[in-house]
Amino acid sequence: MQAVATQLSFPRPQAGLDQQLKQANFKLDRLARLDGLTQLANRGNFHEFWWREWRRMHR
């Protein structure tokens, strides 16, 4: 029981990795939605925006 309590009191080593993964996914998502040359939103970004606004209009 003491071993479990000791393990729970220390931060997980994966906690830093979780944050790094979130940051990497955020950057990847941004790269996927922007044109590499112009840095403007690409068609996928436009399509998602259009559907989001379409659903909002129907509320």
PDB file of N, CA and C in Angstrom:
ATOM      1  N   MET A   1       0.826  -1.199   0.000  1.00  0.00           N
ATOM      2  CA  MET A   1       0.000   0.000   0.000  1.00  0.00           C
ATOM      3  C   MET A   1       0.869   1.260   0.000  1.00  0.00           C
ATOM      4  N   GLN A   2       1.942   1.218   0.771  1.00  0.00           N
ATOM      5  CA  GLN A   2       2.836   2.376   0.826  1.00  0.00           C
ATOM      6  C   GLN A   2       3.464   2.645  -0.543  1.00  0.00           C
ATOM      7  N   ALA A   3       3.795   1.569  -1.276  1.00  0.00           N
ATOM      8  CA  ALA A   3       4.402   1.734  -2.599  1.00  0.00           C
ATOM      9  C   ALA A   3       3.443   2.442  -3.560  1.00  0.00           C
ATOM     10  N   VAL A   4       2.178   2.111  -3.483  1.00  0.00           N
ATOM     11  CA  VAL A   4       1.181   2.757  -4.349  1.00  0.00           C
ATOM     12  C   VAL A   4       1.047   4.224  -3.979  1.00  0.00           C
ATOM     13  N   ALA A   5       1.016   4.528  -2.701  1.00  0.00           N
ATOM     14  CA  ALA A   5       0.905   5.915  -2.254  1.00  0.00           C
ATOM     15  C   ALA A   5       2.127   6.719  -2.691  1.00  0.00           C
ATOM     16  N   THR A   6       3.296   6.115  -2.644  1.00  0.00           N
ATOM     17  CA  THR A   6       4.517   6.795  -3.067  1.00  0.00           C
ATOM     18  C   THR A   6       4.485   7.061  -4.567  1.00  0.00           C
ATOM     19  N   GLN A   7       4.020   6.103  -5.339  1.00  0.00           N
ATOM     20  CA  GLN A   7       3.951   6.283  -6.791  1.00  0.00           C
ATOM     21  C   GLN A   7       2.962   7.386  -7.163  1.00  0.00           C
ATOM     22  N   LEU A   8       1.873   7.481  -6.437  1.00  0.00           N
ATOM     23  CA  LEU A   8       0.870   8.490  -6.753  1.00  0.00           C
ATOM     24  C   LEU A   8       1.306   9.892  -6.354  1.00  0.00           C
ATOM     25  N   SER A   9       2.223  10.001  -5.415  1.00  0.00           N
ATOM     26  CA  SER A   9       2.631  11.315  -4.952  1.00  0.00           C
ATOM     27  C   SER A   9       3.655  11.967  -5.876  1.00  0.00           C
ATOM     28  N   PHE A  10       4.296  11.208  -6.741  1.00  0.00           N
ATOM     29  CA  PHE A  10       5.272  11.752  -7.673  1.00  0.00           C
ATOM     30  C   PHE A  10       4.621  11.996  -9.024  1.00  0.00           C
ATOM     31  N   PRO A  11       5.034  13.069  -9.715  1.00  0.00           N
ATOM     32  CA  PRO A  11       4.465  13.302 -11.044  1.00  0.00           C
ATOM     33  C   PRO A  11       4.849  12.185 -12.008  1.00  0.00           C
ATOM     34  N   ARG A  12       3.951  11.908 -12.904  1.00  0.00           N
ATOM     35  CA  ARG A  12       4.216  10.868 -13.891  1.00  0.00           C
ATOM     36  C   ARG A  12       5.295  11.346 -14.859  1.00  0.00           C
ATOM     37  N   PRO A  13       6.202  10.460 -15.261  1.00  0.00           N
ATOM     38  CA  PRO A  13       7.188  10.868 -16.259  1.00  0.00           C
ATOM     39  C   PRO A  13       6.553  11.161 -17.610  1.00  0.00           C
ATOM     40  N   GLN A  14       5.371  10.609 -17.875  1.00  0.00           N
ATOM     41  CA  GLN A  14       4.705  10.832 -19.154  1.00  0.00           C
ATOM     42  C   GLN A  14       4.050  12.211 -19.234  1.00  0.00           C
ATOM     43  N   ALA A  15       3.908  12.888 -18.106  1.00  0.00           N
ATOM     44  CA  ALA A  15       3.214  14.171 -18.120  1.00  0.00           C
ATOM     45  C   ALA A  15       3.878  15.150 -19.079  1.00  0.00           C
ATOM     46  N   GLY A  16       5.189  15.205 -19.077  1.00  0.00           N
ATOM     47  CA  GLY A  16       5.900  16.075 -20.008  1.00  0.00           C
ATOM     48  C   GLY A  16       5.720  15.623 -21.442  1.00  0.00           C
ATOM     49  N   LEU A  17       5.682  14.323 -21.648  1.00  0.00           N
ATOM     50  CA  LEU A  17       5.481  13.788 -22.992  1.00  0.00           C
ATOM     51  C   LEU A  17       4.086  14.099 -23.502  1.00  0.00           C
ATOM     52  N   ASP A  18       3.103  14.071 -22.624  1.00  0.00           N
ATOM     53  CA  ASP A  18       1.734  14.423 -23.024  1.00  0.00           C
ATOM     54  C   ASP A  18       1.681  15.844 -23.554  1.00  0.00           C
ATOM     55  N   GLN A  19       2.350  16.764 -22.863  1.00  0.00           N
ATOM     56  CA  GLN A  19       2.364  18.163 -23.283  1.00  0.00           C
ATOM     57  C   GLN A  19       3.091  18.313 -24.616  1.00  0.00           C
ATOM     58  N   GLN A  20       4.200  17.610 -24.778  1.00  0.00           N
ATOM     59  CA  GLN A  20       4.940  17.671 -26.045  1.00  0.00           C
ATOM     60  C   GLN A  20       4.095  17.126 -27.187  1.00  0.00           C
ATOM     61  N   LEU A  21       3.363  16.067 -26.935  1.00  0.00           N
ATOM     62  CA  LEU A  21       2.495  15.485 -27.958  1.00  0.00           C
ATOM     63  C   LEU A  21       1.383  16.454 -28.348  1.00  0.00           C
ATOM     64  N   LYS A  22       0.786  17.128 -27.370  1.00  0.00           N
ATOM     65  CA  LYS A  22      -0.258  18.109 -27.680  1.00  0.00           C
ATOM     66  C   LYS A  22       0.290  19.243 -28.529  1.00  0.00           C
ATOM     67  N   GLN A  23       1.497  19.724 -28.193  1.00  0.00           N
ATOM     68  CA  GLN A  23       2.113  20.800 -28.965  1.00  0.00           C
ATOM     69  C   GLN A  23       2.429  20.351 -30.386  1.00  0.00           C
ATOM     70  N   ALA A  24       2.960  19.129 -30.529  1.00  0.00           N
ATOM     71  CA  ALA A  24       3.284  18.604 -31.855  1.00  0.00           C
ATOM     72  C   ALA A  24       2.025  18.435 -32.696  1.00  0.00           C
ATOM     73  N   ASN A  25       0.947  17.947 -32.090  1.00  0.00           N
ATOM     74  CA  ASN A  25      -0.315  17.784 -32.819  1.00  0.00           C
ATOM     75  C   ASN A  25      -0.897  19.128 -33.231  1.00  0.00           C
ATOM     76  N   PHE A  26      -0.758  20.136 -32.368  1.00  0.00           N
ATOM     77  CA  PHE A  26      -1.235  21.473 -32.702  1.00  0.00           C
ATOM     78  C   PHE A  26      -0.475  22.019 -33.908  1.00  0.00           C
ATOM     79  N   LYS A  27       0.848  21.869 -33.900  1.00  0.00           N
ATOM     80  CA  LYS A  27       1.658  22.351 -35.026  1.00  0.00           C
ATOM     81  C   LYS A  27       1.320  21.591 -36.307  1.00  0.00           C
ATOM     82  N   LEU A  28       1.141  20.292 -36.200  1.00  0.00           N
ATOM     83  CA  LEU A  28       0.809  19.478 -37.357  1.00  0.00           C
ATOM     84  C   LEU A  28      -0.548  19.868 -37.933  1.00  0.00           C
ATOM     85  N   ASP A  29      -1.514  20.106 -37.064  1.00  0.00           N
ATOM     86  CA  ASP A  29      -2.842  20.529 -37.510  1.00  0.00           C
ATOM     87  C   ASP A  29      -2.753  21.866 -38.241  1.00  0.00           C
ATOM     88  N   ARG A  30      -1.964  22.772 -37.709  1.00  0.00           N
ATOM     89  CA  ARG A  30      -1.796  24.079 -38.336  1.00  0.00           C
ATOM     90  C   ARG A  30      -1.143  23.936 -39.714  1.00  0.00           C
ATOM     91  N   LEU A  31      -0.107  23.102 -39.792  1.00  0.00           N
ATOM     92  CA  LEU A  31       0.551  22.880 -41.080  1.00  0.00           C
ATOM     93  C   LEU A  31      -0.391  22.250 -42.103  1.00  0.00           C
ATOM     94  N   ALA A  32      -1.258  21.374 -41.643  1.00  0.00           N
ATOM     95  CA  ALA A  32      -2.185  20.699 -42.549  1.00  0.00           C
ATOM     96  C   ALA A  32      -3.259  21.636 -43.079  1.00  0.00           C
ATOM     97  N   ARG A  33      -3.530  22.710 -42.389  1.00  0.00           N
ATOM     98  CA  ARG A  33      -4.609  23.612 -42.786  1.00  0.00           C
ATOM     99  C   ARG A  33      -4.139  24.850 -43.544  1.00  0.00           C
ATOM    100  N   LEU A  34      -2.832  25.039 -43.641  1.00  0.00           N
ATOM    101  CA  LEU A  34      -2.306  26.213 -44.333  1.00  0.00           C
ATOM    102  C   LEU A  34      -1.516  25.809 -45.566  1.00  0.00           C
ATOM    103  N   ASP A  35      -1.624  26.636 -46.609  1.00  0.00           N
ATOM    104  CA  ASP A  35      -0.800  26.446 -47.792  1.00  0.00           C
ATOM    105  C   ASP A  35       0.647  26.785 -47.422  1.00  0.00           C
ATOM    106  N   GLY A  36       1.569  25.937 -47.818  1.00  0.00           N
ATOM    107  CA  GLY A  36       2.967  26.134 -47.449  1.00  0.00           C
ATOM    108  C   GLY A  36       3.599  27.366 -48.064  1.00  0.00           C
ATOM    109  N   LEU A  37       3.177  27.745 -49.247  1.00  0.00           N
ATOM    110  CA  LEU A  37       3.773  28.876 -49.934  1.00  0.00           C
ATOM    111  C   LEU A  37       3.168  30.209 -49.488  1.00  0.00           C
ATOM    112  N   THR A  38       1.863  30.280 -49.447  1.00  0.00           N
ATOM    113  CA  THR A  38       1.194  31.556 -49.166  1.00  0.00           C
ATOM    114  C   THR A  38       0.800  31.735 -47.712  1.00  0.00           C
ATOM    115  N   GLN A  39       0.801  30.641 -46.941  1.00  0.00           N
ATOM    116  CA  GLN A  39       0.360  30.659 -45.546  1.00  0.00           C
ATOM    117  C   GLN A  39      -1.113  31.069 -45.408  1.00  0.00           C
ATOM    118  N   LEU A  40      -1.880  30.843 -46.475  1.00  0.00           N
ATOM    119  CA  LEU A  40      -3.320  31.073 -46.442  1.00  0.00           C
ATOM    120  C   LEU A  40      -4.037  29.757 -46.164  1.00  0.00           C
ATOM    121  N   ALA A  41      -5.245  29.861 -45.651  1.00  0.00           N
ATOM    122  CA  ALA A  41      -6.035  28.661 -45.360  1.00  0.00           C
ATOM    123  C   ALA A  41      -6.287  27.885 -46.645  1.00  0.00           C
ATOM    124  N   ASN A  42      -6.158  26.567 -46.573  1.00  0.00           N
ATOM    125  CA  ASN A  42      -6.377  25.730 -47.748  1.00  0.00           C
ATOM    126  C   ASN A  42      -7.843  25.284 -47.818  1.00  0.00           C
ATOM    127  N   ARG A  43      -8.145  24.446 -48.801  1.00  0.00           N
ATOM    128  CA  ARG A  43      -9.527  24.025 -49.021  1.00  0.00           C
ATOM    129  C   ARG A  43     -10.088  23.248 -47.837  1.00  0.00           C
ATOM    130  N   GLY A  44      -9.280  22.416 -47.205  1.00  0.00           N
ATOM    131  CA  GLY A  44      -9.754  21.661 -46.044  1.00  0.00           C
ATOM    132  C   GLY A  44     -10.189  22.584 -44.921  1.00  0.00           C
ATOM    133  N   ASN A  45      -9.443  23.635 -44.713  1.00  0.00           N
ATOM    134  CA  ASN A  45      -9.790  24.611 -43.685  1.00  0.00           C
ATOM    135  C   ASN A  45     -11.080  25.330 -44.060  1.00  0.00           C
ATOM    136  N   PHE A  46     -11.186  25.707 -45.324  1.00  0.00           N
ATOM    137  CA  PHE A  46     -12.402  26.358 -45.794  1.00  0.00           C
ATOM    138  C   PHE A  46     -13.622  25.442 -45.614  1.00  0.00           C
ATOM    139  N   HIS A  47     -13.465  24.170 -45.988  1.00  0.00           N
ATOM    140  CA  HIS A  47     -14.567  23.212 -45.892  1.00  0.00           C
ATOM    141  C   HIS A  47     -15.024  23.055 -44.434  1.00  0.00           C
ATOM    142  N   GLU A  48     -14.088  22.932 -43.530  1.00  0.00           N
ATOM    143  CA  GLU A  48     -14.449  22.798 -42.121  1.00  0.00           C
ATOM    144  C   GLU A  48     -15.155  24.050 -41.615  1.00  0.00           C
ATOM    145  N   PHE A  49     -14.627  25.216 -41.988  1.00  0.00           N
ATOM    146  CA  PHE A  49     -15.256  26.475 -41.594  1.00  0.00           C
ATOM    147  C   PHE A  49     -16.671  26.559 -42.146  1.00  0.00           C
ATOM    148  N   TRP A  50     -16.868  26.184 -43.402  1.00  0.00           N
ATOM    149  CA  TRP A  50     -18.173  26.245 -44.040  1.00  0.00           C
ATOM    150  C   TRP A  50     -19.180  25.368 -43.311  1.00  0.00           C
ATOM    151  N   TRP A  51     -18.776  24.117 -42.998  1.00  0.00           N
ATOM    152  CA  TRP A  51     -19.689  23.217 -42.295  1.00  0.00           C
ATOM    153  C   TRP A  51     -20.000  23.714 -40.890  1.00  0.00           C
ATOM    154  N   ARG A  52     -19.031  24.270 -40.203  1.00  0.00           N
ATOM    155  CA  ARG A  52     -19.262  24.793 -38.863  1.00  0.00           C
ATOM    156  C   ARG A  52     -20.273  25.937 -38.903  1.00  0.00           C
ATOM    157  N   GLU A  53     -20.119  26.831 -39.884  1.00  0.00           N
ATOM    158  CA  GLU A  53     -21.062  27.943 -40.011  1.00  0.00           C
ATOM    159  C   GLU A  53     -22.443  27.455 -40.448  1.00  0.00           C
ATOM    160  N   TRP A  54     -22.478  26.448 -41.313  1.00  0.00           N
ATOM    161  CA  TRP A  54     -23.749  25.879 -41.766  1.00  0.00           C
ATOM    162  C   TRP A  54     -24.519  25.309 -40.576  1.00  0.00           C
ATOM    163  N   ARG A  55     -23.831  24.552 -39.725  1.00  0.00           N
ATOM    164  CA  ARG A  55     -24.487  23.977 -38.539  1.00  0.00           C
ATOM    165  C   ARG A  55     -24.922  25.069 -37.569  1.00  0.00           C
ATOM    166  N   ARG A  56     -24.110  26.102 -37.432  1.00  0.00           N
ATOM    167  CA  ARG A  56     -24.461  27.207 -36.539  1.00  0.00           C
ATOM    168  C   ARG A  56     -25.703  27.933 -37.044  1.00  0.00           C
ATOM    169  N   MET A  57     -25.826  28.068 -38.355  1.00  0.00           N
ATOM    170  CA  MET A  57     -26.977  28.754 -38.945  1.00  0.00           C
ATOM    171  C   MET A  57     -28.275  27.995 -38.653  1.00  0.00           C
ATOM    172  N   HIS A  58     -28.200  26.681 -38.546  1.00  0.00           N
ATOM    173  CA  HIS A  58     -29.401  25.867 -38.345  1.00  0.00           C
ATOM    174  C   HIS A  58     -29.814  25.730 -36.888  1.00  0.00           C
ATOM    175  N   ARG A  59     -29.117  26.345 -35.983  1.00  0.00           N
ATOM    176  CA  ARG A  59     -29.514  26.262 -34.565  1.00  0.00           C
ATOM    177  C   ARG A  59     -30.654  27.173 -34.256  1.00  0.00           C
TER     178      ARG A  59
END
